[in-house]
Amino acid sequence: MLPGSLADLAGGTRHVDVDVDGSATVTTVLDGLAVGRPLLDRRIRDETGQLRRFVNVYVDGEDVRFDRGVATAVPDGAVVQVLPSVAGG
């Protein structure tokens, strides 16, 4: 699931289905999302494959930064949300 600010980089869609095997991780899901969407991938991950500082990723509502980061397991049927951080003042 993508917010509007990233949906433009995914062809205008906010929901993208990514087929992965049973041992999926956040990396696997993001690799699938990146296929044909290199600009979107660069907005989400840095050149080392890690999440950018201003991007939050949730697996079924749980922040992956408090789990194993991009190595966090993604169970079959899980919802992965990619959200840019919001700053204000």
Protein backbone atom coordinates (compact mmCIF):
# COMPACT_ATOMS: atom_id res chain seq x y z
CA MET A 1 0.00 0.00 0.00
CA LEU A 2 1.41 3.37 -1.05
CA PRO A 3 0.46 6.92 -0.12
CA GLY A 4 -0.49 9.36 -2.85
CA SER A 5 2.96 10.94 -2.77
CA LEU A 6 4.54 7.65 -3.90
CA ALA A 7 1.64 6.34 -6.00
CA ASP A 8 2.65 8.57 -8.92
CA LEU A 9 5.91 6.61 -9.12
CA ALA A 10 3.92 3.36 -9.24
CA GLY A 11 1.82 4.32 -12.25
CA GLY A 12 -0.77 6.16 -10.19
CA THR A 13 -1.87 3.17 -8.12
CA ARG A 14 -1.87 3.02 -4.34
CA HIS A 15 -2.24 -0.76 -4.11
CA VAL A 16 0.32 -3.06 -5.71
CA ASP A 17 0.16 -6.83 -5.42
CA VAL A 18 3.59 -8.44 -5.20
CA ASP A 19 3.88 -12.19 -5.58
CA VAL A 20 6.56 -13.67 -3.33
CA ASP A 21 7.36 -17.13 -2.01
CA GLY A 22 6.59 -18.40 1.48
CA SER A 23 9.88 -17.18 2.96
CA ALA A 24 9.42 -13.54 1.97
CA THR A 25 11.07 -10.62 3.69
CA VAL A 26 10.58 -6.88 3.33
CA THR A 27 13.54 -6.93 0.92
CA THR A 28 11.77 -9.54 -1.23
CA VAL A 29 8.60 -7.46 -1.32
CA LEU A 30 10.47 -4.25 -2.12
CA ASP A 31 12.44 -6.05 -4.86
CA GLY A 32 9.12 -7.12 -6.40
CA LEU A 33 7.74 -3.61 -6.08
CA ALA A 34 10.85 -2.20 -7.76
CA VAL A 35 10.39 -4.26 -10.95
CA GLY A 36 9.65 -1.67 -13.61
CA ARG A 37 9.59 1.11 -11.00
CA PRO A 38 13.23 2.17 -10.43
CA LEU A 39 12.32 5.72 -9.38
CA LEU A 40 9.98 4.40 -6.70
CA ASP A 41 12.68 2.05 -5.43
CA ARG A 42 15.19 4.92 -5.16
CA ARG A 43 12.69 6.91 -3.08
CA ILE A 44 12.26 3.98 -0.66
CA ARG A 45 15.76 2.44 -0.42
CA ASP A 46 19.28 3.78 -0.55
CA GLU A 47 22.09 2.37 -2.69
CA THR A 48 22.84 -0.30 -0.05
CA GLY A 49 19.25 -1.60 -0.07
CA GLN A 50 18.39 -0.16 3.34
CA LEU A 51 15.29 1.92 3.99
CA ARG A 52 15.79 5.62 3.60
CA ARG A 53 15.66 7.54 6.85
CA PHE A 54 12.43 9.32 5.91
CA VAL A 55 10.53 6.17 4.87
CA ASN A 56 8.57 3.96 7.24
CA VAL A 57 7.53 0.42 6.32
CA TYR A 58 4.90 -1.55 8.21
CA VAL A 59 4.02 -5.24 7.95
CA ASP A 60 0.46 -5.77 9.15
CA GLY A 61 0.71 -2.51 11.11
CA GLU A 62 4.06 -3.24 12.79
CA ASP A 63 7.01 -0.92 12.09
CA VAL A 64 9.84 -3.03 10.63
CA ARG A 65 12.46 -0.77 12.25
CA PHE A 66 11.49 -2.31 15.59
CA ASP A 67 11.82 -5.82 14.16
CA ARG A 68 14.56 -6.86 11.74
CA GLY A 69 14.35 -3.95 9.29
CA VAL A 70 14.37 -5.07 5.67
CA ALA A 71 15.03 -8.65 6.88
CA THR A 72 11.62 -8.70 8.64
CA ALA A 73 9.54 -11.70 7.59
CA VAL A 74 6.41 -11.04 5.54
CA PRO A 75 3.82 -13.79 6.03
CA ASP A 76 1.63 -14.88 3.14
CA GLY A 77 -1.27 -12.44 2.74
CA ALA A 78 0.34 -9.70 4.86
CA VAL A 79 -0.24 -6.04 4.05
CA VAL A 80 2.95 -4.04 3.65
CA GLN A 81 2.58 -0.27 3.87
CA VAL A 82 5.25 2.17 2.70
CA LEU A 83 4.83 5.64 4.17
CA PRO A 84 7.11 8.66 4.02
CA SER A 85 7.77 10.27 7.39
CA VAL A 86 5.77 13.37 8.13
CA ALA A 87 7.52 16.34 9.68
CA GLY A 88 5.92 19.52 10.77
CA GLY A 89 6.36 22.46 12.91
